[in-house]
Amino acid sequence: MQITATVNLSCQRVRILNLTMILKGWLSLAIVLLAMLRSVESTSLFSQDDDAGTVKRLSDIQGLPERIAFGSCAHQDKPQPVLETVAGFKPDLFIYLGDNIYGDTRDMEVLQAKYAKLGSKPEFKNLRQAAAVLAIWDDHDYGENDAGNEYPFKAESRNIFLDFWRVPDDDNQRQNDGIYGAHRFEKDGMALQVILLDTRTFRDPLKSNPTPLPTGSTFKNAYQPDENPSLSLLGEAQWTWLAEQLAEPADLRIICSSIQFGHEYNGWESWTNLPLEQQKMFDLIQSTKANGVIFISGDVHWGEISKRDNPDAYAIYDVTASGITETWPTVELNKFRIGEVVRENHFGMIDIDWTVVDPIVTLKIIDRLGTIRLSTSIRLSELRLKRD
């Protein structure tokens, strides 16, 4: 009896040991499958529409784009009916100008989940089917409010950004330490450049205003201009690259900046916080003899068109479209503003009539209902450097 009991007990121990090994095996398999799933999610945050061939790509644009829409500041937790309005206008291209989600985290799984929420929105999927999409980032999708080169997870955030926006492996946005890049379109001897700037990865810290501001101070809000010549907004490598882009021949160049370029200083983030960098851009346009430059920008939660006259070159326009879902309770003064401010949710649009001898470029701000709230037209001949 003792021998039999001992054998039975040994058999039970073997069975328990085998069961434990099986459970460990299943657990290991589950961990591997979960890791694979997370890997797929990190590189495939869009729906399977991409694989079905229903998503528009840059290669679907034949020749020169005639209609380019753009916008920024889109919270992933809010409905985005503006995107449905955009799709109804049938643009060739839509450019996201930053704050495309409100990530604001150092947890990359949280950041991925917020991108996934945007990717699952029906209105976003509809936009992807209606137009090819390009994107840059601003602070909130970069990772933290007003963050620059000090943000410790910029490399990880960059990988998530590039994967979500389906940037191809051979695209120039993947060939640098940031997310800057350029695309070129040509037809019948005419050329359009779309230049995507990275205003986060390389930007040095800004000069904050004291709290409270002294009585009579000429500064306001969060920041004041800093003329320290050692500070950079784009970083040396991006400036060198940009000079090469502007030296290429083109008739129209759309420079995409997540922060405003052509407005009046107002104390919020913009090129005016680093005035030497802003002047460097003006000088670079002139030294490279770059005709046809127009800026588009976001960030501030309202829409406006700014015009900076330059007697030595040509007027620089900056179309700010910043309110896919967001608004702002106040609006700052801007002596360079053309027309009124659009405070309701909106997007921007550039229509180009390439069929006439002197192509016409029309800059617009359009609200959620499809009403054109701002519009100004210029001819390409007006965006030409004066000859010596």
Protein backbone atom coordinates (compact mmCIF):
# COMPACT_ATOMS: atom_id res chain seq x y z
CA MET A 1 0.00 0.00 0.00
CA GLN A 2 2.80 2.38 0.84
CA ILE A 3 4.52 1.60 -2.48
CA THR A 4 1.26 2.14 -4.39
CA ALA A 5 0.57 5.43 -2.56
CA THR A 6 4.08 6.63 -3.25
CA VAL A 7 3.74 5.83 -6.97
CA ASN A 8 0.36 7.58 -7.19
CA LEU A 9 1.77 10.64 -5.41
CA SER A 10 4.71 10.70 -7.79
CA CYS A 11 2.38 10.48 -10.78
CA GLN A 12 0.33 13.38 -9.45
CA ARG A 13 3.49 15.42 -9.01
CA VAL A 14 4.49 14.64 -12.59
CA ARG A 15 1.03 15.64 -13.82
CA ILE A 16 1.20 18.91 -11.84
CA LEU A 17 4.71 19.56 -13.16
CA ASN A 18 3.58 18.90 -16.74
CA LEU A 19 0.53 21.12 -16.28
CA THR A 20 2.74 23.88 -14.86
CA MET A 21 5.07 23.62 -17.83
CA ILE A 22 2.13 23.74 -20.24
CA LEU A 23 0.71 26.83 -18.51
CA LYS A 24 4.12 28.50 -18.59
CA GLY A 25 4.35 27.67 -22.27
CA TRP A 26 0.92 29.19 -22.98
CA LEU A 27 1.83 32.26 -20.91
CA SER A 28 5.06 32.71 -22.86
CA LEU A 29 3.14 32.36 -26.12
CA ALA A 30 0.58 34.92 -24.95
CA ILE A 31 3.36 37.37 -24.07
CA VAL A 32 4.93 36.91 -27.50
CA LEU A 33 1.58 37.37 -29.26
CA LEU A 34 0.85 40.51 -27.20
CA ALA A 35 4.25 41.93 -28.09
CA MET A 36 3.60 41.18 -31.76
CA LEU A 37 0.19 42.85 -31.53
CA ARG A 38 1.72 45.96 -29.95
CA SER A 39 4.35 46.00 -32.67
CA VAL A 40 1.68 45.84 -35.35
CA GLU A 41 -0.32 48.57 -33.62
CA SER A 42 2.74 50.82 -33.43
CA THR A 43 3.30 50.60 -37.18
CA SER A 44 -0.29 50.15 -38.32
CA LEU A 45 -2.36 52.63 -36.38
CA PHE A 46 -4.57 53.31 -39.34
CA SER A 47 -7.34 50.88 -40.16
CA GLN A 48 -6.88 48.20 -42.78
CA ASP A 49 -8.18 50.69 -45.34
CA ASP A 50 -4.55 51.27 -46.33
CA ASP A 51 -4.17 47.65 -47.35
CA ALA A 52 -7.47 47.76 -49.23
CA GLY A 53 -6.11 50.47 -51.53
CA THR A 54 -8.82 52.99 -50.65
CA VAL A 55 -6.48 55.59 -49.15
CA LYS A 56 -5.17 58.42 -51.32
CA ARG A 57 -1.39 58.70 -51.62
CA LEU A 58 0.95 61.36 -52.94
CA SER A 59 1.55 59.20 -56.00
CA ASP A 60 -2.16 59.58 -56.84
CA ILE A 61 -1.63 63.31 -57.50
CA GLN A 62 -1.09 63.69 -61.22
CA GLY A 63 0.99 66.70 -62.09
CA LEU A 64 0.48 69.87 -60.04
CA PRO A 65 -1.95 70.02 -57.09
CA GLU A 66 -4.70 72.56 -57.72
CA ARG A 67 -6.25 72.52 -54.25
CA ILE A 68 -4.32 72.12 -50.99
CA ALA A 69 -6.17 72.13 -47.66
CA PHE A 70 -4.56 72.30 -44.24
CA GLY A 71 -5.31 72.59 -40.55
CA SER A 72 -4.13 71.95 -37.00
CA CYS A 73 -5.19 71.62 -33.38
CA ALA A 74 -7.41 68.55 -33.45
CA HIS A 75 -8.19 66.86 -30.13
CA GLN A 76 -8.58 63.12 -30.53
CA ASP A 77 -11.35 62.95 -27.90
CA LYS A 78 -13.61 65.38 -29.76
CA PRO A 79 -15.75 64.99 -32.90
CA GLN A 80 -14.04 66.46 -35.96
CA PRO A 81 -16.78 67.49 -38.40
CA VAL A 82 -14.37 69.99 -40.00
CA LEU A 83 -12.69 66.99 -41.67
CA GLU A 84 -15.97 66.06 -43.35
CA THR A 85 -16.20 69.61 -44.69
CA VAL A 86 -12.62 69.38 -45.96
CA ALA A 87 -13.37 66.12 -47.77
CA GLY A 88 -16.38 67.74 -49.43
CA PHE A 89 -14.11 70.33 -51.08
CA LYS A 90 -12.12 67.47 -52.69
CA PRO A 91 -8.57 68.78 -52.13
CA ASP A 92 -5.66 67.02 -53.81
CA LEU A 93 -3.67 67.25 -50.59
CA PHE A 94 -4.32 67.88 -46.90
CA ILE A 95 -1.47 69.01 -44.63
CA TYR A 96 -1.63 68.56 -40.86
CA LEU A 97 0.30 71.41 -39.24
CA GLY A 98 0.72 70.03 -35.73
CA ASP A 99 -1.22 69.39 -32.53
CA ASN A 100 -2.78 66.68 -34.65
CA ILE A 101 -3.44 64.91 -31.35
CA TYR A 102 -3.02 66.13 -27.79
CA GLY A 103 -0.48 63.60 -26.55
CA ASP A 104 1.19 65.55 -23.72
CA THR A 105 2.92 62.55 -22.16
CA ARG A 106 6.23 60.81 -21.58
CA ASP A 107 4.50 57.42 -21.78
CA MET A 108 4.84 56.21 -25.36
CA GLU A 109 2.01 53.68 -24.99
CA VAL A 110 -0.30 56.54 -24.06
CA LEU A 111 0.93 58.50 -27.07
CA GLN A 112 0.30 55.53 -29.37
CA ALA A 113 -3.19 55.05 -27.95
CA LYS A 114 -4.08 58.68 -28.67
CA TYR A 115 -2.89 58.34 -32.26
CA ALA A 116 -4.96 55.16 -32.52
CA LYS A 117 -8.04 57.05 -31.37
CA LEU A 118 -7.52 59.60 -34.16
CA GLY A 119 -6.92 56.81 -36.67
CA SER A 120 -10.21 55.13 -35.75
CA LYS A 121 -12.38 58.21 -36.33
CA PRO A 122 -14.74 57.82 -39.33
CA GLU A 123 -14.19 61.45 -40.37
CA PHE A 124 -10.43 60.91 -40.35
CA LYS A 125 -10.74 57.76 -42.46
CA ASN A 126 -13.00 59.65 -44.86
CA LEU A 127 -10.41 62.40 -45.21
CA ARG A 128 -7.73 59.82 -45.96
CA GLN A 129 -9.90 58.45 -48.75
CA ALA A 130 -10.56 61.93 -50.15
CA ALA A 131 -7.04 63.41 -50.18
CA ALA A 132 -3.39 62.53 -49.85
CA VAL A 133 -2.10 63.56 -46.41
CA LEU A 134 1.18 65.06 -45.18
CA ALA A 135 1.97 66.03 -41.59
CA ILE A 136 4.33 67.90 -39.30
CA TRP A 137 4.08 68.11 -35.52
CA ASP A 138 3.77 70.81 -32.90
CA ASP A 139 4.27 70.62 -29.15
CA HIS A 140 1.26 68.53 -28.08
CA ASP A 141 1.83 65.67 -30.52
CA TYR A 142 5.60 66.04 -30.06
CA GLY A 143 5.06 65.22 -26.40
CA GLU A 144 4.78 68.21 -24.05
CA ASN A 145 3.38 71.73 -24.02
CA ASP A 146 5.83 74.23 -25.56
CA ALA A 147 8.59 71.58 -25.61
CA GLY A 148 11.75 71.91 -27.69
CA ASN A 149 15.06 70.07 -27.87
CA GLU A 150 14.97 69.34 -24.12
CA TYR A 151 12.11 66.82 -24.45
CA PRO A 152 13.72 63.46 -23.50
CA PHE A 153 11.52 61.19 -25.62
CA LYS A 154 11.81 62.98 -28.96
CA ALA A 155 13.36 59.96 -30.71
CA GLU A 156 10.64 57.60 -29.52
CA SER A 157 7.91 60.12 -30.35
CA ARG A 158 9.44 60.60 -33.81
CA ASN A 159 9.18 56.89 -34.58
CA ILE A 160 5.53 56.80 -33.55
CA PHE A 161 4.80 59.93 -35.62
CA LEU A 162 6.45 58.62 -38.79
CA ASP A 163 4.79 55.22 -38.50
CA PHE A 164 1.32 56.63 -37.84
CA TRP A 165 1.51 59.01 -40.78
CA ARG A 166 2.67 56.16 -43.02
CA VAL A 167 5.88 57.93 -44.04
CA PRO A 168 7.70 55.55 -46.43
CA ASP A 169 11.11 54.19 -45.47
CA ASP A 170 12.79 56.07 -48.33
CA ASP A 171 11.01 59.39 -47.65
CA ASN A 172 13.27 62.30 -46.71
CA GLN A 173 11.31 62.83 -43.47
CA ARG A 174 13.00 59.62 -42.26
CA GLN A 175 16.48 60.67 -43.38
CA ASN A 176 17.20 63.09 -40.53
CA ASP A 177 16.96 63.26 -36.75
CA GLY A 178 13.72 65.23 -36.90
CA ILE A 179 10.63 65.07 -39.11
CA TYR A 180 11.44 67.75 -41.72
CA GLY A 181 11.13 66.96 -45.41
CA ALA A 182 10.04 68.21 -48.83
CA HIS A 183 7.95 67.11 -51.79
CA ARG A 184 8.04 68.35 -55.36
CA PHE A 185 5.33 68.36 -58.03
CA GLU A 186 5.89 69.26 -61.69
CA LYS A 187 3.96 69.62 -64.94
CA ASP A 188 4.46 71.52 -68.19
CA GLY A 189 7.57 73.30 -66.97
CA MET A 190 5.97 74.50 -63.71
CA ALA A 191 7.02 73.29 -60.25
CA LEU A 192 5.50 73.35 -56.76
CA GLN A 193 7.48 72.63 -53.58
CA VAL A 194 5.89 71.63 -50.27
CA ILE A 195 8.47 72.13 -47.50
CA LEU A 196 7.75 70.56 -44.11
CA LEU A 197 9.61 72.18 -41.20
CA ASP A 198 10.34 70.69 -37.78
CA THR A 199 10.04 73.50 -35.21
CA ARG A 200 10.36 71.23 -32.15
CA THR A 201 13.24 68.73 -32.27
CA PHE A 202 16.05 71.29 -32.53
CA ARG A 203 14.52 74.40 -30.95
CA ASP A 204 16.42 75.88 -28.02
CA PRO A 205 14.52 76.98 -24.88
CA LEU A 206 12.54 80.20 -25.10
CA LYS A 207 12.87 83.18 -22.77
CA SER A 208 9.93 83.18 -20.37
CA ASN A 209 8.34 86.33 -19.04
CA PRO A 210 8.53 86.99 -15.28
CA THR A 211 5.33 86.50 -13.30
CA PRO A 212 3.82 88.96 -12.78
CA LEU A 213 5.02 91.20 -15.58
CA PRO A 214 6.31 94.59 -14.42
CA THR A 215 3.95 97.51 -14.88
CA GLY A 216 4.46 99.10 -18.29
CA SER A 217 6.27 96.08 -19.77
CA THR A 218 6.22 95.84 -23.56
CA PHE A 219 6.09 92.04 -23.24
CA LYS A 220 2.97 89.95 -22.67
CA ASN A 221 1.67 86.43 -22.15
CA ALA A 222 4.30 83.68 -21.79
CA TYR A 223 7.45 84.66 -23.74
CA GLN A 224 9.57 87.58 -24.85
CA PRO A 225 11.90 87.91 -27.86
CA ASP A 226 15.42 86.62 -27.24
CA GLU A 227 18.18 87.94 -29.50
CA ASN A 228 20.88 85.58 -28.24
CA PRO A 229 22.71 84.64 -31.48
CA SER A 230 23.58 81.17 -30.17
CA LEU A 231 19.93 80.10 -30.04
CA SER A 232 18.34 78.19 -32.89
CA LEU A 233 14.82 77.30 -33.92
CA LEU A 234 15.56 74.82 -36.70
CA GLY A 235 19.06 73.66 -35.82
CA GLU A 236 22.13 73.84 -38.06
CA ALA A 237 21.43 70.69 -40.10
CA GLN A 238 17.85 71.71 -40.90
CA TRP A 239 18.94 75.23 -41.88
CA THR A 240 21.53 73.77 -44.27
CA TRP A 241 18.94 71.42 -45.74
CA LEU A 242 16.41 74.26 -46.11
CA ALA A 243 18.93 76.40 -48.00
CA GLU A 244 19.39 73.53 -50.45
CA GLN A 245 15.63 73.23 -50.92
CA LEU A 246 15.15 76.95 -51.53
CA ALA A 247 18.01 76.96 -54.04
CA GLU A 248 16.10 74.50 -56.21
CA PRO A 249 14.04 76.11 -58.98
CA ALA A 250 10.32 76.28 -58.24
CA ASP A 251 7.41 78.56 -59.11
CA LEU A 252 5.49 78.18 -55.85
CA ARG A 253 6.80 77.03 -52.47
CA ILE A 254 4.53 76.29 -49.53
CA ILE A 255 6.54 76.30 -46.30
CA CYS A 256 4.72 74.47 -43.52
CA SER A 257 5.51 75.75 -40.01
CA SER A 258 3.68 74.51 -36.92
CA ILE A 259 4.03 77.97 -35.32
CA GLN A 260 3.22 81.34 -36.84
CA PHE A 261 5.87 83.06 -38.93
CA GLY A 262 4.46 86.28 -40.37
CA HIS A 263 2.40 87.78 -37.55
CA GLU A 264 3.14 90.45 -34.93
CA TYR A 265 4.77 89.46 -31.61
CA ASN A 266 2.09 88.50 -29.08
CA GLY A 267 3.94 86.62 -26.34
CA TRP A 268 2.88 83.13 -27.40
CA GLU A 269 5.12 80.66 -29.17
CA SER A 270 6.14 81.74 -32.67
CA TRP A 271 9.11 82.76 -34.80
CA THR A 272 8.94 86.19 -33.14
CA ASN A 273 10.39 84.68 -29.93
CA LEU A 274 13.68 84.16 -31.77
CA PRO A 275 13.81 87.26 -34.00
CA LEU A 276 17.30 86.51 -35.35
CA GLU A 277 16.02 83.16 -36.62
CA GLN A 278 13.02 84.87 -38.19
CA GLN A 279 15.30 87.37 -39.93
CA LYS A 280 17.53 84.49 -41.02
CA MET A 281 14.54 83.05 -42.86
CA PHE A 282 13.84 86.35 -44.63
CA ASP A 283 17.52 86.64 -45.56
CA LEU A 284 17.67 83.03 -46.77
CA ILE A 285 14.71 83.51 -49.08
CA GLN A 286 16.46 86.49 -50.60
CA SER A 287 19.99 85.00 -50.79
CA THR A 288 18.78 81.78 -52.44
CA LYS A 289 16.63 83.82 -54.85
CA ALA A 290 13.65 81.70 -53.86
CA ASN A 291 10.54 82.91 -55.63
CA GLY A 292 6.99 81.98 -54.69
CA VAL A 293 7.25 81.45 -50.91
CA ILE A 294 4.03 81.24 -48.90
CA PHE A 295 3.87 80.09 -45.27
CA ILE A 296 1.08 78.08 -43.69
CA SER A 297 0.94 77.68 -39.90
CA GLY A 298 -1.15 76.61 -36.91
CA ASP A 299 -0.92 76.54 -33.08
CA VAL A 300 -2.91 79.56 -31.88
CA HIS A 301 -6.52 78.24 -32.08
CA TRP A 302 -7.78 80.91 -34.46
CA GLY A 303 -7.52 81.55 -38.20
CA GLU A 304 -6.01 84.56 -39.95
CA ILE A 305 -3.93 85.66 -42.92
CA SER A 306 -0.83 87.78 -42.32
CA LYS A 307 1.12 89.73 -44.94
CA ARG A 308 4.66 90.99 -44.39
CA ASP A 309 5.68 93.54 -47.03
CA ASN A 310 9.33 93.53 -48.04
CA PRO A 311 10.48 96.33 -50.35
CA ASP A 312 13.70 94.46 -51.16
CA ALA A 313 11.98 91.21 -52.14
CA TYR A 314 8.25 90.44 -52.22
CA ALA A 315 5.44 90.20 -49.67
CA ILE A 316 5.45 87.07 -47.51
CA TYR A 317 2.03 85.65 -46.69
CA ASP A 318 1.35 83.41 -43.69
CA VAL A 319 -2.01 81.62 -43.62
CA THR A 320 -2.78 80.39 -40.10
CA ALA A 321 -5.39 77.63 -39.81
CA SER A 322 -5.60 76.49 -36.21
CA GLY A 323 -8.89 75.13 -35.11
CA ILE A 324 -10.05 71.72 -36.34
CA THR A 325 -11.54 71.22 -32.86
CA GLU A 326 -9.97 73.93 -30.68
CA THR A 327 -10.81 77.60 -30.05
CA TRP A 328 -9.31 80.35 -27.87
CA PRO A 329 -11.14 82.84 -25.61
CA THR A 330 -9.14 85.88 -26.77
CA VAL A 331 -7.41 87.03 -29.95
CA GLU A 332 -4.15 88.96 -30.07
CA LEU A 333 -3.44 92.12 -32.06
CA ASN A 334 -1.64 91.62 -35.37
CA LYS A 335 -0.75 94.66 -37.48
CA PHE A 336 0.11 92.35 -40.40
CA ARG A 337 -3.34 90.74 -40.47
CA ILE A 338 -5.45 90.93 -43.62
CA GLY A 339 -9.17 91.05 -42.85
CA GLU A 340 -10.76 89.60 -39.74
CA VAL A 341 -10.00 86.70 -37.39
CA VAL A 342 -11.89 83.42 -37.68
CA ARG A 343 -12.54 82.14 -34.15
CA GLU A 344 -14.85 79.26 -35.00
CA ASN A 345 -13.54 75.83 -36.04
CA HIS A 346 -12.08 76.01 -39.52
CA PHE A 347 -9.40 74.93 -41.98
CA GLY A 348 -7.21 76.65 -44.58
CA MET A 349 -7.11 76.18 -48.33
CA ILE A 350 -4.88 77.25 -51.19
CA ASP A 351 -6.42 77.11 -54.68
CA ILE A 352 -4.03 77.44 -57.61
CA ASP A 353 -5.14 78.12 -61.17
CA TRP A 354 -2.25 76.79 -63.23
CA THR A 355 -4.15 77.17 -66.52
CA VAL A 356 -3.48 80.89 -66.98
CA VAL A 357 -0.19 82.44 -68.12
CA ASP A 358 0.31 84.09 -64.73
CA PRO A 359 -1.11 81.50 -62.28
CA ILE A 360 -3.49 82.76 -59.61
CA VAL A 361 -3.04 81.65 -55.99
CA THR A 362 -6.06 82.10 -53.69
CA LEU A 363 -5.59 81.85 -49.93
CA LYS A 364 -8.69 80.97 -47.88
CA ILE A 365 -9.98 80.24 -44.39
CA ILE A 366 -13.17 78.14 -44.44
CA ASP A 367 -15.37 77.35 -41.44
CA ARG A 368 -17.03 74.08 -40.45
CA LEU A 369 -20.16 74.89 -42.45
CA GLY A 370 -18.13 75.39 -45.63
CA THR A 371 -18.42 79.18 -45.61
CA ILE A 372 -15.38 81.01 -47.00
CA ARG A 373 -14.58 83.45 -44.20
CA LEU A 374 -11.35 84.91 -45.57
CA SER A 375 -10.02 84.99 -49.11
CA THR A 376 -7.25 86.85 -50.89
CA SER A 377 -5.83 86.21 -54.36
CA ILE A 378 -2.36 86.91 -55.69
CA ARG A 379 -0.59 86.15 -58.93
CA LEU A 380 2.66 84.24 -59.03
CA SER A 381 4.30 87.26 -60.65
CA GLU A 382 3.73 89.13 -57.36
CA LEU A 383 5.85 86.54 -55.54
CA ARG A 384 9.02 87.23 -57.51
CA LEU A 385 12.25 88.77 -56.32
CA LYS A 386 13.07 92.10 -57.84
CA ARG A 387 15.85 91.83 -60.40
CA ASP A 388 19.03 93.84 -59.92
